[in-house]
């Protein structure tokens, strides 16, 4: 049953990702009334919040936008960097929302950032475990027992799940900051604000599905371990 749920989350993730891309394309076709580009909007939002040490750069790809707290860069995809639409405004302001979180010491962002090194190690460990399992239990038994391997997998997915759920308040808060600012700054009209909100709400759904999927996978491995223990 849990396996079916996990497959369901994978399908839901693909559907929502497709919807997000379609909405970005749709809302990119309507010119922004303020005629500001994503780059210009990001610069203005940073300046309004007294952030002078964050660089805005253009990166390749679609929906590859992200904030890098270590390098203090807001990375906007080409379509967002140069775009003059509600979709570009929403994404640019959202990424600036992360920079504002960083400046103000938003606790969930700090917790997630602290977990990044642990998650990276967990990803390497679980890849090693899965590769060893793939090439045969004979090799696995020389390194770890099956029970120990499953416990390691559970520990790794616990980290992944915690990281995924910490991501939710970080993303929702950044969107809230973005929507509030573009409205108060008259960057968008009422109809454009609705488009921006719809874009960010759809993006948030991808994070929610990822968190629930990670939780379901964690329970899946816990059930496998408990089933093996009873044997």
C-alpha atoms as a PDB file:
ATOM      1  CA  UNK A   1       0.000   0.000   0.000  1.00  0.00           C
ATOM      2  CA  UNK A   2       2.787   2.433   0.937  1.00  0.00           C
ATOM      3  CA  UNK A   3       4.572   1.614  -2.316  1.00  0.00           C
ATOM      4  CA  UNK A   4       1.432   2.554  -4.266  1.00  0.00           C
ATOM      5  CA  UNK A   5       1.246   5.837  -2.320  1.00  0.00           C
ATOM      6  CA  UNK A   6       4.874   6.609  -3.201  1.00  0.00           C
ATOM      7  CA  UNK A   7       4.153   5.964  -6.890  1.00  0.00           C
ATOM      8  CA  UNK A   8       1.118   8.223  -6.562  1.00  0.00           C
ATOM      9  CA  UNK A   9       3.278  11.037  -5.169  1.00  0.00           C
ATOM     10  CA  UNK A  10       5.741  10.599  -8.040  1.00  0.00           C
ATOM     11  CA  UNK A  11       2.928  10.948 -10.565  1.00  0.00           C
ATOM     12  CA  UNK A  12       1.491  13.947  -8.681  1.00  0.00           C
ATOM     13  CA  UNK A  13       4.929  15.592  -8.681  1.00  0.00           C
ATOM     14  CA  UNK A  14       5.203  15.218 -12.457  1.00  0.00           C
ATOM     15  CA  UNK A  15       1.702  16.642 -12.933  1.00  0.00           C
ATOM     16  CA  UNK A  16       2.332  19.673 -10.696  1.00  0.00           C
ATOM     17  CA  UNK A  17       5.734  20.326 -12.298  1.00  0.00           C
ATOM     18  CA  UNK A  18       4.058  20.295 -15.688  1.00  0.00           C
ATOM     19  CA  UNK A  19       1.348  22.665 -14.440  1.00  0.00           C
ATOM     20  CA  UNK A  20       4.002  25.022 -13.067  1.00  0.00           C
ATOM     21  CA  UNK A  21       5.798  25.160 -16.411  1.00  0.00           C
ATOM     22  CA  UNK A  22       2.526  25.743 -18.257  1.00  0.00           C
ATOM     23  CA  UNK A  23       1.509  28.551 -15.894  1.00  0.00           C
ATOM     24  CA  UNK A  24       4.905  30.182 -16.202  1.00  0.00           C
ATOM     25  CA  UNK A  25       4.544  30.145 -19.994  1.00  0.00           C
ATOM     26  CA  UNK A  26       0.958  31.443 -19.757  1.00  0.00           C
ATOM     27  CA  UNK A  27       1.726  34.270 -17.334  1.00  0.00           C
ATOM     28  CA  UNK A  28       4.876  35.205 -19.233  1.00  0.00           C
ATOM     29  CA  UNK A  29       2.824  36.121 -22.288  1.00  0.00           C
ATOM     30  CA  UNK A  30       1.120  39.083 -20.601  1.00  0.00           C
ATOM     31  CA  UNK A  31       3.410  42.132 -20.375  1.00  0.00           C
ATOM     32  CA  UNK A  32       3.788  43.643 -16.901  1.00  0.00           C
ATOM     33  CA  UNK A  33       2.098  47.035 -16.631  1.00  0.00           C
ATOM     34  CA  UNK A  34       5.108  48.497 -14.783  1.00  0.00           C
ATOM     35  CA  UNK A  35       7.361  47.210 -17.590  1.00  0.00           C
ATOM     36  CA  UNK A  36      10.042  46.159 -15.084  1.00  0.00           C
ATOM     37  CA  UNK A  37      12.247  43.144 -15.772  1.00  0.00           C
ATOM     38  CA  UNK A  38      12.883  40.424 -13.218  1.00  0.00           C
ATOM     39  CA  UNK A  39      16.384  41.782 -12.751  1.00  0.00           C
ATOM     40  CA  UNK A  40      15.105  45.315 -12.130  1.00  0.00           C
ATOM     41  CA  UNK A  41      12.466  44.058  -9.688  1.00  0.00           C
ATOM     42  CA  UNK A  42      15.067  42.057  -7.771  1.00  0.00           C
ATOM     43  CA  UNK A  43      17.394  45.055  -7.562  1.00  0.00           C
ATOM     44  CA  UNK A  44      14.561  47.244  -6.280  1.00  0.00           C
ATOM     45  CA  UNK A  45      13.403  44.747  -3.653  1.00  0.00           C
ATOM     46  CA  UNK A  46      16.934  44.230  -2.360  1.00  0.00           C
ATOM     47  CA  UNK A  47      17.494  47.962  -2.170  1.00  0.00           C
ATOM     48  CA  UNK A  48      14.188  48.515  -0.352  1.00  0.00           C
ATOM     49  CA  UNK A  49      15.284  45.986   2.265  1.00  0.00           C
ATOM     50  CA  UNK A  50      18.748  47.498   2.673  1.00  0.00           C
ATOM     51  CA  UNK A  51      20.519  44.537   1.069  1.00  0.00           C
ATOM     52  CA  UNK A  52      23.556  45.831  -0.799  1.00  0.00           C
ATOM     53  CA  UNK A  53      25.896  42.814  -0.761  1.00  0.00           C
ATOM     54  CA  UNK A  54      23.827  40.360  -2.840  1.00  0.00           C
ATOM     55  CA  UNK A  55      24.565  40.011  -6.544  1.00  0.00           C
ATOM     56  CA  UNK A  56      21.887  39.195  -9.123  1.00  0.00           C
ATOM     57  CA  UNK A  57      23.063  36.968 -11.948  1.00  0.00           C
ATOM     58  CA  UNK A  58      21.477  35.257 -14.942  1.00  0.00           C
ATOM     59  CA  UNK A  59      21.744  31.463 -15.200  1.00  0.00           C
ATOM     60  CA  UNK A  60      20.860  28.970 -17.909  1.00  0.00           C
ATOM     61  CA  UNK A  61      17.807  26.740 -17.847  1.00  0.00           C
ATOM     62  CA  UNK A  62      14.103  27.088 -17.132  1.00  0.00           C
ATOM     63  CA  UNK A  63      12.843  27.537 -13.565  1.00  0.00           C
ATOM     64  CA  UNK A  64      16.409  27.183 -12.269  1.00  0.00           C
ATOM     65  CA  UNK A  65      16.012  30.259 -10.084  1.00  0.00           C
ATOM     66  CA  UNK A  66      17.484  30.077  -6.583  1.00  0.00           C
ATOM     67  CA  UNK A  67      19.191  32.053  -3.836  1.00  0.00           C
ATOM     68  CA  UNK A  68      22.690  31.016  -2.755  1.00  0.00           C
ATOM     69  CA  UNK A  69      23.261  32.171   0.850  1.00  0.00           C
ATOM     70  CA  UNK A  70      26.948  31.213   0.854  1.00  0.00           C
ATOM     71  CA  UNK A  71      27.879  33.167  -2.267  1.00  0.00           C
ATOM     72  CA  UNK A  72      25.149  35.749  -1.640  1.00  0.00           C
ATOM     73  CA  UNK A  73      23.802  35.558  -5.170  1.00  0.00           C
ATOM     74  CA  UNK A  74      20.287  35.576  -6.538  1.00  0.00           C
ATOM     75  CA  UNK A  75      20.376  33.334  -9.585  1.00  0.00           C
ATOM     76  CA  UNK A  76      17.584  34.051 -12.054  1.00  0.00           C
ATOM     77  CA  UNK A  77      16.922  31.975 -15.150  1.00  0.00           C
ATOM     78  CA  UNK A  78      17.258  33.895 -18.404  1.00  0.00           C
ATOM     79  CA  UNK A  79      13.481  34.134 -18.913  1.00  0.00           C
ATOM     80  CA  UNK A  80      13.010  35.579 -15.415  1.00  0.00           C
ATOM     81  CA  UNK A  81      16.081  37.842 -15.481  1.00  0.00           C
ATOM     82  CA  UNK A  82      14.961  39.534 -18.706  1.00  0.00           C
ATOM     83  CA  UNK A  83      11.237  38.816 -18.451  1.00  0.00           C
ATOM     84  CA  UNK A  84       8.698  41.608 -17.941  1.00  0.00           C
ATOM     85  CA  UNK A  85       5.666  39.631 -16.802  1.00  0.00           C
ATOM     86  CA  UNK A  86       3.751  38.645 -13.667  1.00  0.00           C
ATOM     87  CA  UNK A  87       5.528  35.276 -13.652  1.00  0.00           C
ATOM     88  CA  UNK A  88       8.980  36.881 -13.821  1.00  0.00           C
ATOM     89  CA  UNK A  89       8.022  39.397 -11.129  1.00  0.00           C
ATOM     90  CA  UNK A  90       6.769  36.648  -8.807  1.00  0.00           C
ATOM     91  CA  UNK A  91       9.863  34.471  -9.129  1.00  0.00           C
ATOM     92  CA  UNK A  92      12.347  37.344  -8.891  1.00  0.00           C
ATOM     93  CA  UNK A  93      10.650  38.721  -5.774  1.00  0.00           C
ATOM     94  CA  UNK A  94      10.391  35.225  -4.271  1.00  0.00           C
ATOM     95  CA  UNK A  95      14.146  34.673  -4.547  1.00  0.00           C
ATOM     96  CA  UNK A  96      14.717  38.090  -3.002  1.00  0.00           C
ATOM     97  CA  UNK A  97      12.432  36.929  -0.203  1.00  0.00           C
ATOM     98  CA  UNK A  98      15.087  34.334   0.653  1.00  0.00           C
ATOM     99  CA  UNK A  99      17.732  37.067   0.793  1.00  0.00           C
ATOM    100  CA  UNK A 100      15.521  39.011   3.206  1.00  0.00           C
ATOM    101  CA  UNK A 101      15.131  35.856   5.305  1.00  0.00           C
ATOM    102  CA  UNK A 102      18.910  35.540   5.385  1.00  0.00           C
ATOM    103  CA  UNK A 103      19.308  39.158   6.460  1.00  0.00           C
ATOM    104  CA  UNK A 104      16.714  38.893   9.234  1.00  0.00           C
ATOM    105  CA  UNK A 105      17.937  35.518  10.490  1.00  0.00           C
ATOM    106  CA  UNK A 106      14.732  33.645   9.672  1.00  0.00           C
ATOM    107  CA  UNK A 107      14.953  30.586  11.921  1.00  0.00           C
ATOM    108  CA  UNK A 108      13.678  27.973   9.472  1.00  0.00           C
ATOM    109  CA  UNK A 109      16.161  29.114   6.819  1.00  0.00           C
ATOM    110  CA  UNK A 110      18.973  28.850   9.381  1.00  0.00           C
ATOM    111  CA  UNK A 111      17.852  25.361  10.396  1.00  0.00           C
ATOM    112  CA  UNK A 112      17.635  24.217   6.783  1.00  0.00           C
ATOM    113  CA  UNK A 113      21.053  25.685   5.972  1.00  0.00           C
ATOM    114  CA  UNK A 114      22.567  23.903   8.989  1.00  0.00           C
ATOM    115  CA  UNK A 115      21.109  20.626   7.703  1.00  0.00           C
ATOM    116  CA  UNK A 116      22.573  20.940   4.192  1.00  0.00           C
ATOM    117  CA  UNK A 117      25.986  19.323   4.997  1.00  0.00           C
ATOM    118  CA  UNK A 118      24.261  16.432   6.778  1.00  0.00           C
ATOM    119  CA  UNK A 119      21.896  15.927   3.856  1.00  0.00           C
ATOM    120  CA  UNK A 120      24.799  15.920   1.388  1.00  0.00           C
ATOM    121  CA  UNK A 121      26.586  13.231   3.399  1.00  0.00           C
ATOM    122  CA  UNK A 122      23.342  11.258   3.710  1.00  0.00           C
ATOM    123  CA  UNK A 123      22.853  11.378  -0.065  1.00  0.00           C
ATOM    124  CA  UNK A 124      26.333   9.939  -0.661  1.00  0.00           C
ATOM    125  CA  UNK A 125      25.833   7.240   1.960  1.00  0.00           C
ATOM    126  CA  UNK A 126      22.442   6.142   0.636  1.00  0.00           C
ATOM    127  CA  UNK A 127      23.745   6.057  -2.942  1.00  0.00           C
ATOM    128  CA  UNK A 128      26.541   3.759  -1.786  1.00  0.00           C
ATOM    129  CA  UNK A 129      24.048   1.509   0.035  1.00  0.00           C
ATOM    130  CA  UNK A 130      21.703   1.287  -2.962  1.00  0.00           C
ATOM    131  CA  UNK A 131      24.577   0.579  -5.367  1.00  0.00           C
ATOM    132  CA  UNK A 132      25.839  -2.185  -3.115  1.00  0.00           C
ATOM    133  CA  UNK A 133      22.352  -3.670  -2.883  1.00  0.00           C
ATOM    134  CA  UNK A 134      22.002  -3.475  -6.656  1.00  0.00           C
ATOM    135  CA  UNK A 135      25.210  -5.402  -7.301  1.00  0.00           C
ATOM    136  CA  UNK A 136      24.201  -8.154  -4.920  1.00  0.00           C
ATOM    137  CA  UNK A 137      23.582  -9.061  -1.315  1.00  0.00           C
ATOM    138  CA  UNK A 138      26.748 -11.162  -1.367  1.00  0.00           C
ATOM    139  CA  UNK A 139      28.834  -7.984  -1.402  1.00  0.00           C
ATOM    140  CA  UNK A 140      26.506  -6.325   1.076  1.00  0.00           C
ATOM    141  CA  UNK A 141      26.990  -9.013   3.690  1.00  0.00           C
ATOM    142  CA  UNK A 142      30.732  -8.420   3.609  1.00  0.00           C
ATOM    143  CA  UNK A 143      30.176  -4.773   4.591  1.00  0.00           C
ATOM    144  CA  UNK A 144      26.827  -4.450   6.390  1.00  0.00           C
ATOM    145  CA  UNK A 145      24.054  -6.820   7.324  1.00  0.00           C
ATOM    146  CA  UNK A 146      20.720  -6.267   5.585  1.00  0.00           C
ATOM    147  CA  UNK A 147      19.240  -5.026   8.870  1.00  0.00           C
ATOM    148  CA  UNK A 148      22.068  -2.528   9.365  1.00  0.00           C
ATOM    149  CA  UNK A 149      21.734  -1.336   5.783  1.00  0.00           C
ATOM    150  CA  UNK A 150      18.013  -0.702   6.191  1.00  0.00           C
ATOM    151  CA  UNK A 151      18.667   1.210   9.431  1.00  0.00           C
ATOM    152  CA  UNK A 152      21.162   3.413   7.569  1.00  0.00           C
ATOM    153  CA  UNK A 153      18.580   3.997   4.834  1.00  0.00           C
ATOM    154  CA  UNK A 154      16.015   4.957   7.486  1.00  0.00           C
ATOM    155  CA  UNK A 155      18.492   7.377   9.076  1.00  0.00           C
ATOM    156  CA  UNK A 156      19.210   8.983   5.685  1.00  0.00           C
ATOM    157  CA  UNK A 157      15.537   9.331   4.800  1.00  0.00           C
ATOM    158  CA  UNK A 158      14.898  10.839   8.213  1.00  0.00           C
ATOM    159  CA  UNK A 159      17.359  13.592   7.276  1.00  0.00           C
ATOM    160  CA  UNK A 160      15.796  13.990   3.812  1.00  0.00           C
ATOM    161  CA  UNK A 161      12.304  14.208   5.299  1.00  0.00           C
ATOM    162  CA  UNK A 162      13.303  16.722   7.957  1.00  0.00           C
ATOM    163  CA  UNK A 163      14.995  18.851   5.284  1.00  0.00           C
ATOM    164  CA  UNK A 164      11.910  18.647   3.029  1.00  0.00           C
ATOM    165  CA  UNK A 165       9.556  19.737   5.807  1.00  0.00           C
ATOM    166  CA  UNK A 166      11.874  22.560   6.886  1.00  0.00           C
ATOM    167  CA  UNK A 167      11.802  23.737   3.271  1.00  0.00           C
ATOM    168  CA  UNK A 168       8.032  24.294   3.412  1.00  0.00           C
ATOM    169  CA  UNK A 169       7.954  27.286   5.814  1.00  0.00           C
ATOM    170  CA  UNK A 170      11.013  28.733   4.067  1.00  0.00           C
ATOM    171  CA  UNK A 171       9.325  28.664   0.664  1.00  0.00           C
ATOM    172  CA  UNK A 172       5.884  29.772   1.884  1.00  0.00           C
ATOM    173  CA  UNK A 173       7.387  32.671   3.829  1.00  0.00           C
ATOM    174  CA  UNK A 174       9.489  33.817   0.845  1.00  0.00           C
ATOM    175  CA  UNK A 175       6.358  33.813  -1.326  1.00  0.00           C
ATOM    176  CA  UNK A 176       4.409  35.766   1.286  1.00  0.00           C
ATOM    177  CA  UNK A 177       7.172  38.395   1.470  1.00  0.00           C
ATOM    178  CA  UNK A 178       7.312  38.578  -2.329  1.00  0.00           C
ATOM    179  CA  UNK A 179       3.563  38.999  -2.837  1.00  0.00           C
ATOM    180  CA  UNK A 180       3.274  41.582  -0.075  1.00  0.00           C
ATOM    181  CA  UNK A 181       6.146  43.630  -1.467  1.00  0.00           C
ATOM    182  CA  UNK A 182       5.138  43.620  -5.154  1.00  0.00           C
ATOM    183  CA  UNK A 183       1.637  44.706  -4.100  1.00  0.00           C
ATOM    184  CA  UNK A 184       2.712  47.486  -1.718  1.00  0.00           C
ATOM    185  CA  UNK A 185       5.310  48.721  -4.226  1.00  0.00           C
ATOM    186  CA  UNK A 186       2.731  48.828  -7.042  1.00  0.00           C
ATOM    187  CA  UNK A 187       4.893  46.546  -9.164  1.00  0.00           C
ATOM    188  CA  UNK A 188       1.768  44.701 -10.293  1.00  0.00           C
ATOM    189  CA  UNK A 189      -1.902  45.434 -10.855  1.00  0.00           C
ATOM    190  CA  UNK A 190      -4.606  43.425  -9.045  1.00  0.00           C
ATOM    191  CA  UNK A 191      -4.943  40.996 -11.959  1.00  0.00           C
ATOM    192  CA  UNK A 192      -1.156  40.632 -12.260  1.00  0.00           C
ATOM    193  CA  UNK A 193      -0.936  40.041  -8.500  1.00  0.00           C
ATOM    194  CA  UNK A 194      -3.427  37.170  -8.879  1.00  0.00           C
ATOM    195  CA  UNK A 195      -1.229  35.676 -11.617  1.00  0.00           C
ATOM    196  CA  UNK A 196       1.877  36.022  -9.449  1.00  0.00           C
ATOM    197  CA  UNK A 197       0.118  34.385  -6.495  1.00  0.00           C
ATOM    198  CA  UNK A 198      -1.132  31.527  -8.651  1.00  0.00           C
ATOM    199  CA  UNK A 199       2.405  30.922  -9.938  1.00  0.00           C
ATOM    200  CA  UNK A 200       3.920  30.842  -6.446  1.00  0.00           C
ATOM    201  CA  UNK A 201       1.094  28.721  -5.019  1.00  0.00           C
ATOM    202  CA  UNK A 202       1.677  26.125  -7.732  1.00  0.00           C
ATOM    203  CA  UNK A 203       5.424  26.174  -7.064  1.00  0.00           C
ATOM    204  CA  UNK A 204       4.724  25.621  -3.349  1.00  0.00           C
ATOM    205  CA  UNK A 205       2.720  22.499  -4.211  1.00  0.00           C
ATOM    206  CA  UNK A 206       5.858  20.890  -5.642  1.00  0.00           C
ATOM    207  CA  UNK A 207       7.617  21.307  -2.280  1.00  0.00           C
ATOM    208  CA  UNK A 208       4.611  19.950  -0.383  1.00  0.00           C
ATOM    209  CA  UNK A 209       4.415  16.856  -2.582  1.00  0.00           C
ATOM    210  CA  UNK A 210       8.172  16.316  -2.224  1.00  0.00           C
ATOM    211  CA  UNK A 211       7.895  16.471   1.573  1.00  0.00           C
ATOM    212  CA  UNK A 212       4.964  14.053   1.729  1.00  0.00           C
ATOM    213  CA  UNK A 213       6.679  11.720  -0.734  1.00  0.00           C
ATOM    214  CA  UNK A 214       9.825  11.696   1.399  1.00  0.00           C
ATOM    215  CA  UNK A 215       7.731  10.940   4.492  1.00  0.00           C
ATOM    216  CA  UNK A 216       5.960   8.068   2.721  1.00  0.00           C
ATOM    217  CA  UNK A 217       9.311   6.639   1.614  1.00  0.00           C
ATOM    218  CA  UNK A 218      10.624   6.875   5.178  1.00  0.00           C
ATOM    219  CA  UNK A 219       7.583   4.940   6.475  1.00  0.00           C
ATOM    220  CA  UNK A 220       8.064   2.393   3.678  1.00  0.00           C
ATOM    221  CA  UNK A 221      11.580   1.556   4.860  1.00  0.00           C
ATOM    222  CA  UNK A 222      10.498   1.549   8.514  1.00  0.00           C
ATOM    223  CA  UNK A 223       7.799  -1.014   7.673  1.00  0.00           C
ATOM    224  CA  UNK A 224      10.342  -3.141   5.807  1.00  0.00           C
ATOM    225  CA  UNK A 225      12.649  -3.053   8.841  1.00  0.00           C
ATOM    226  CA  UNK A 226       9.838  -3.897  11.275  1.00  0.00           C
ATOM    227  CA  UNK A 227       8.657  -6.714   9.025  1.00  0.00           C
ATOM    228  CA  UNK A 228      12.169  -8.158   8.884  1.00  0.00           C
ATOM    229  CA  UNK A 229      12.583  -7.809  12.644  1.00  0.00           C
ATOM    230  CA  UNK A 230       9.431  -9.830  13.298  1.00  0.00           C
ATOM    231  CA  UNK A 231      10.802 -12.605  11.142  1.00  0.00           C
END
